[in-house]
Amino acid sequence: MARAPRDPDAVRVAKALADPTRFRLLRAIAARAEISCQELTALFPVAQATVSHHLKVLLEAGLVTVRNEGTFHHYRVVEGALEAYARGVEALAQRGGR
C-alpha cells in the first residue's frame, strides 16, 4: 500500500494546483514527454519571469522535474505525484465520513 503524502507535501501540492496558471502549465507539461520553459512561455500570455516563478512552485511541490541543458530548462511531470496526492485526499475524505 502506497503511503499518503505528508501534510506539508499535500499543502504544497494543493497550493500549487490552486493557481489557475500553474494548473494550466502542469496540464501543458503533462501533454508532452518534456517541454522547455521557452516553449511554455510561448503558450501562455504572461511574462517569462512569471512562467519561471510558477514552474519553481510546481518543482518545489514535487509535481515536475527539471533537466538543464545549457541555458535551457526542460520540464517533465513527476509520474505518480498527482496520484499520491489524490490518494491522500481520498483517505482524508474516507476518515471524515466516519
N, C-alpha and C. Protein backbone atom coordinates (compact mmCIF):
# COMPACT_ATOMS: atom_id res chain seq x y z
N MET A 1 0.84 -1.17 0.00
CA MET A 1 0.00 0.00 0.00
C MET A 1 0.89 1.25 0.00
N ALA A 2 0.66 2.16 -0.94
CA ALA A 2 1.45 3.39 -1.02
C ALA A 2 1.04 4.34 0.10
N ARG A 3 2.03 5.03 0.61
CA ARG A 3 1.73 5.95 1.71
C ARG A 3 1.06 7.21 1.18
N ALA A 4 0.24 7.80 2.03
CA ALA A 4 -0.37 9.08 1.69
C ALA A 4 0.69 10.16 1.85
N PRO A 5 0.57 11.25 1.11
CA PRO A 5 1.57 12.30 1.24
C PRO A 5 1.52 12.92 2.63
N ARG A 6 2.68 13.37 3.12
CA ARG A 6 2.73 14.06 4.41
C ARG A 6 1.98 15.38 4.28
N ASP A 7 1.49 15.90 5.41
CA ASP A 7 0.71 17.14 5.38
C ASP A 7 1.42 18.28 4.66
N PRO A 8 2.70 18.57 4.98
CA PRO A 8 3.36 19.68 4.26
C PRO A 8 3.41 19.44 2.76
N ASP A 9 3.64 18.20 2.35
CA ASP A 9 3.66 17.88 0.92
C ASP A 9 2.30 18.13 0.30
N ALA A 10 1.25 17.67 0.97
CA ALA A 10 -0.11 17.83 0.46
C ALA A 10 -0.49 19.30 0.38
N VAL A 11 -0.08 20.08 1.36
CA VAL A 11 -0.39 21.51 1.35
C VAL A 11 0.33 22.19 0.19
N ARG A 12 1.59 21.85 -0.04
CA ARG A 12 2.34 22.44 -1.15
C ARG A 12 1.68 22.10 -2.49
N VAL A 13 1.25 20.86 -2.64
CA VAL A 13 0.60 20.45 -3.89
C VAL A 13 -0.72 21.18 -4.05
N ALA A 14 -1.51 21.25 -2.97
CA ALA A 14 -2.80 21.94 -3.05
C ALA A 14 -2.61 23.40 -3.43
N LYS A 15 -1.64 24.07 -2.82
CA LYS A 15 -1.38 25.47 -3.14
C LYS A 15 -0.90 25.62 -4.59
N ALA A 16 -0.07 24.70 -5.03
CA ALA A 16 0.43 24.76 -6.41
C ALA A 16 -0.71 24.60 -7.41
N LEU A 17 -1.61 23.66 -7.13
CA LEU A 17 -2.70 23.38 -8.05
C LEU A 17 -3.81 24.43 -7.98
N ALA A 18 -3.88 25.19 -6.90
CA ALA A 18 -4.95 26.18 -6.72
C ALA A 18 -4.84 27.36 -7.67
N ASP A 19 -3.64 27.64 -8.15
CA ASP A 19 -3.46 28.76 -9.05
C ASP A 19 -3.81 28.33 -10.48
N PRO A 20 -4.74 29.04 -11.14
CA PRO A 20 -5.16 28.63 -12.48
C PRO A 20 -4.02 28.57 -13.51
N THR A 21 -3.09 29.51 -13.44
CA THR A 21 -1.97 29.49 -14.39
C THR A 21 -1.10 28.27 -14.15
N ARG A 22 -0.79 27.97 -12.89
CA ARG A 22 0.03 26.78 -12.59
C ARG A 22 -0.68 25.51 -13.02
N PHE A 23 -1.98 25.45 -12.80
CA PHE A 23 -2.75 24.27 -13.20
C PHE A 23 -2.65 24.08 -14.72
N ARG A 24 -2.81 25.18 -15.46
CA ARG A 24 -2.71 25.08 -16.93
C ARG A 24 -1.30 24.73 -17.38
N LEU A 25 -0.29 25.29 -16.69
CA LEU A 25 1.09 24.93 -17.01
C LEU A 25 1.33 23.44 -16.80
N LEU A 26 0.85 22.93 -15.67
CA LEU A 26 1.03 21.50 -15.39
C LEU A 26 0.34 20.65 -16.46
N ARG A 27 -0.84 21.08 -16.87
CA ARG A 27 -1.55 20.35 -17.92
C ARG A 27 -0.76 20.37 -19.23
N ALA A 28 -0.15 21.52 -19.56
CA ALA A 28 0.65 21.63 -20.78
C ALA A 28 1.89 20.75 -20.71
N ILE A 29 2.50 20.69 -19.53
CA ILE A 29 3.69 19.83 -19.36
C ILE A 29 3.28 18.37 -19.48
N ALA A 30 2.17 18.00 -18.87
CA ALA A 30 1.71 16.61 -18.90
C ALA A 30 1.34 16.15 -20.30
N ALA A 31 0.99 17.08 -21.16
CA ALA A 31 0.59 16.72 -22.53
C ALA A 31 1.78 16.30 -23.40
N ARG A 32 2.99 16.56 -22.90
CA ARG A 32 4.19 16.22 -23.65
C ARG A 32 5.13 15.42 -22.76
N ALA A 33 6.02 14.69 -23.36
CA ALA A 33 7.01 13.96 -22.57
C ALA A 33 7.93 14.94 -21.86
N GLU A 34 8.26 16.03 -22.53
CA GLU A 34 9.15 17.05 -21.97
C GLU A 34 8.92 18.34 -22.74
N ILE A 35 9.01 19.46 -22.03
CA ILE A 35 8.79 20.76 -22.68
C ILE A 35 9.70 21.79 -22.03
N SER A 36 10.22 22.69 -22.85
CA SER A 36 11.15 23.70 -22.33
C SER A 36 10.37 24.90 -21.77
N CYS A 37 11.03 25.64 -20.93
CA CYS A 37 10.47 26.87 -20.39
C CYS A 37 10.16 27.84 -21.53
N GLN A 38 11.02 27.88 -22.50
CA GLN A 38 10.83 28.76 -23.65
C GLN A 38 9.53 28.40 -24.39
N GLU A 39 9.29 27.10 -24.59
CA GLU A 39 8.07 26.67 -25.27
C GLU A 39 6.84 27.00 -24.43
N LEU A 40 6.95 26.82 -23.11
CA LEU A 40 5.82 27.14 -22.23
C LEU A 40 5.52 28.64 -22.25
N THR A 41 6.56 29.45 -22.27
CA THR A 41 6.37 30.90 -22.31
C THR A 41 5.62 31.31 -23.57
N ALA A 42 5.90 30.63 -24.68
CA ALA A 42 5.21 30.94 -25.93
C ALA A 42 3.73 30.56 -25.87
N LEU A 43 3.38 29.60 -25.02
CA LEU A 43 1.99 29.14 -24.93
C LEU A 43 1.11 29.99 -24.01
N PHE A 44 1.73 30.76 -23.12
CA PHE A 44 0.97 31.49 -22.11
C PHE A 44 1.19 33.00 -22.24
N PRO A 45 0.11 33.77 -22.09
CA PRO A 45 0.21 35.22 -22.25
C PRO A 45 0.69 35.93 -20.99
N VAL A 46 1.78 35.44 -20.44
CA VAL A 46 2.40 36.06 -19.26
C VAL A 46 3.90 36.18 -19.51
N ALA A 47 4.56 37.00 -18.72
CA ALA A 47 6.00 37.21 -18.88
C ALA A 47 6.78 35.93 -18.58
N GLN A 48 7.96 35.84 -19.15
CA GLN A 48 8.82 34.68 -18.93
C GLN A 48 9.14 34.53 -17.45
N ALA A 49 9.34 35.64 -16.76
CA ALA A 49 9.64 35.57 -15.33
C ALA A 49 8.47 34.99 -14.55
N THR A 50 7.26 35.28 -14.97
CA THR A 50 6.07 34.73 -14.32
C THR A 50 5.99 33.23 -14.54
N VAL A 51 6.24 32.79 -15.77
CA VAL A 51 6.25 31.35 -16.07
C VAL A 51 7.31 30.67 -15.22
N SER A 52 8.50 31.25 -15.14
CA SER A 52 9.57 30.67 -14.34
C SER A 52 9.18 30.56 -12.87
N HIS A 53 8.53 31.59 -12.34
CA HIS A 53 8.07 31.55 -10.94
C HIS A 53 7.09 30.40 -10.73
N HIS A 54 6.12 30.27 -11.62
CA HIS A 54 5.13 29.21 -11.49
C HIS A 54 5.77 27.83 -11.61
N LEU A 55 6.75 27.71 -12.49
CA LEU A 55 7.45 26.43 -12.64
C LEU A 55 8.23 26.09 -11.37
N LYS A 56 8.80 27.10 -10.73
CA LYS A 56 9.52 26.89 -9.47
C LYS A 56 8.57 26.35 -8.40
N VAL A 57 7.37 26.89 -8.33
CA VAL A 57 6.38 26.42 -7.35
C VAL A 57 5.99 24.97 -7.64
N LEU A 58 5.78 24.65 -8.92
CA LEU A 58 5.44 23.27 -9.29
C LEU A 58 6.60 22.32 -8.96
N LEU A 59 7.82 22.79 -9.17
CA LEU A 59 9.01 21.99 -8.87
C LEU A 59 9.11 21.75 -7.36
N GLU A 60 8.95 22.80 -6.55
CA GLU A 60 9.03 22.67 -5.10
C GLU A 60 7.91 21.80 -4.53
N ALA A 61 6.77 21.75 -5.22
CA ALA A 61 5.65 20.91 -4.78
C ALA A 61 5.87 19.45 -5.17
N GLY A 62 6.91 19.19 -5.97
CA GLY A 62 7.20 17.81 -6.37
C GLY A 62 6.35 17.32 -7.53
N LEU A 63 5.75 18.25 -8.27
CA LEU A 63 4.89 17.87 -9.38
C LEU A 63 5.63 17.76 -10.70
N VAL A 64 6.76 18.46 -10.82
CA VAL A 64 7.56 18.40 -12.04
C VAL A 64 9.04 18.25 -11.68
N THR A 65 9.80 17.80 -12.66
CA THR A 65 11.25 17.78 -12.54
C THR A 65 11.80 18.66 -13.65
N VAL A 66 13.05 19.06 -13.49
CA VAL A 66 13.68 19.91 -14.50
C VAL A 66 15.01 19.28 -14.91
N ARG A 67 15.28 19.38 -16.20
CA ARG A 67 16.56 18.94 -16.75
C ARG A 67 17.17 20.16 -17.41
N ASN A 68 18.36 20.52 -16.97
CA ASN A 68 19.04 21.69 -17.53
C ASN A 68 19.97 21.26 -18.65
N GLU A 69 19.88 22.00 -19.74
CA GLU A 69 20.75 21.76 -20.90
C GLU A 69 21.27 23.12 -21.34
N GLY A 70 22.44 23.47 -20.86
CA GLY A 70 22.95 24.81 -21.12
C GLY A 70 22.08 25.83 -20.41
N THR A 71 21.58 26.78 -21.17
CA THR A 71 20.70 27.79 -20.57
C THR A 71 19.22 27.42 -20.66
N PHE A 72 18.94 26.25 -21.22
CA PHE A 72 17.55 25.82 -21.38
C PHE A 72 17.14 24.88 -20.24
N HIS A 73 15.89 25.02 -19.82
CA HIS A 73 15.34 24.17 -18.77
C HIS A 73 14.16 23.40 -19.38
N HIS A 74 14.20 22.08 -19.21
CA HIS A 74 13.17 21.20 -19.77
C HIS A 74 12.42 20.54 -18.62
N TYR A 75 11.10 20.59 -18.67
CA TYR A 75 10.26 20.12 -17.57
C TYR A 75 9.49 18.87 -17.96
N ARG A 76 9.33 18.00 -16.96
CA ARG A 76 8.54 16.78 -17.07
C ARG A 76 7.67 16.65 -15.84
N VAL A 77 6.52 16.01 -16.01
CA VAL A 77 5.65 15.73 -14.86
C VAL A 77 6.26 14.57 -14.08
N VAL A 78 6.20 14.63 -12.76
CA VAL A 78 6.66 13.54 -11.91
C VAL A 78 5.56 12.47 -11.91
N GLU A 79 5.88 11.32 -12.47
CA GLU A 79 4.92 10.24 -12.54
C GLU A 79 4.47 9.84 -11.13
N GLY A 80 3.19 9.75 -10.92
CA GLY A 80 2.65 9.29 -9.65
C GLY A 80 2.43 10.37 -8.61
N ALA A 81 2.92 11.59 -8.86
CA ALA A 81 2.79 12.66 -7.86
C ALA A 81 1.33 13.03 -7.63
N LEU A 82 0.59 13.21 -8.70
CA LEU A 82 -0.82 13.56 -8.55
C LEU A 82 -1.63 12.41 -7.98
N GLU A 83 -1.28 11.20 -8.36
CA GLU A 83 -1.98 10.04 -7.83
C GLU A 83 -1.77 9.93 -6.32
N ALA A 84 -0.56 10.18 -5.86
CA ALA A 84 -0.28 10.13 -4.42
C ALA A 84 -1.06 11.20 -3.69
N TYR A 85 -1.14 12.39 -4.26
CA TYR A 85 -1.92 13.47 -3.65
C TYR A 85 -3.40 13.08 -3.59
N ALA A 86 -3.91 12.53 -4.69
CA ALA A 86 -5.32 12.12 -4.74
C ALA A 86 -5.62 11.04 -3.71
N ARG A 87 -4.69 10.10 -3.52
CA ARG A 87 -4.91 9.05 -2.51
C ARG A 87 -4.98 9.67 -1.12
N GLY A 88 -4.15 10.66 -0.87
CA GLY A 88 -4.16 11.33 0.44
C GLY A 88 -5.47 12.06 0.68
N VAL A 89 -5.96 12.73 -0.36
CA VAL A 89 -7.24 13.44 -0.24
C VAL A 89 -8.37 12.44 -0.06
N GLU A 90 -8.32 11.33 -0.80
CA GLU A 90 -9.35 10.30 -0.69
C GLU A 90 -9.35 9.69 0.72
N ALA A 91 -8.17 9.43 1.27
CA ALA A 91 -8.09 8.87 2.62
C ALA A 91 -8.67 9.84 3.64
N LEU A 92 -8.43 11.12 3.44
CA LEU A 92 -8.97 12.14 4.33
C LEU A 92 -10.49 12.17 4.23
N ALA A 93 -11.00 12.06 3.02
CA ALA A 93 -12.46 12.06 2.81
C ALA A 93 -13.11 10.84 3.46
N GLN A 94 -12.44 9.71 3.37
CA GLN A 94 -12.99 8.49 3.97
C GLN A 94 -13.01 8.58 5.48
N ARG A 95 -11.96 9.14 6.08
CA ARG A 95 -11.93 9.30 7.54
C ARG A 95 -12.98 10.28 7.99
N GLY A 96 -13.21 11.32 7.20
CA GLY A 96 -14.20 12.34 7.55
C GLY A 96 -15.61 11.83 7.47
N GLY A 97 -15.81 10.77 6.70
CA GLY A 97 -17.15 10.21 6.51
C GLY A 97 -17.54 9.24 7.62
N ARG A 98 -16.65 8.99 8.57
CA ARG A 98 -16.96 8.03 9.63
C ARG A 98 -17.54 8.71 10.82
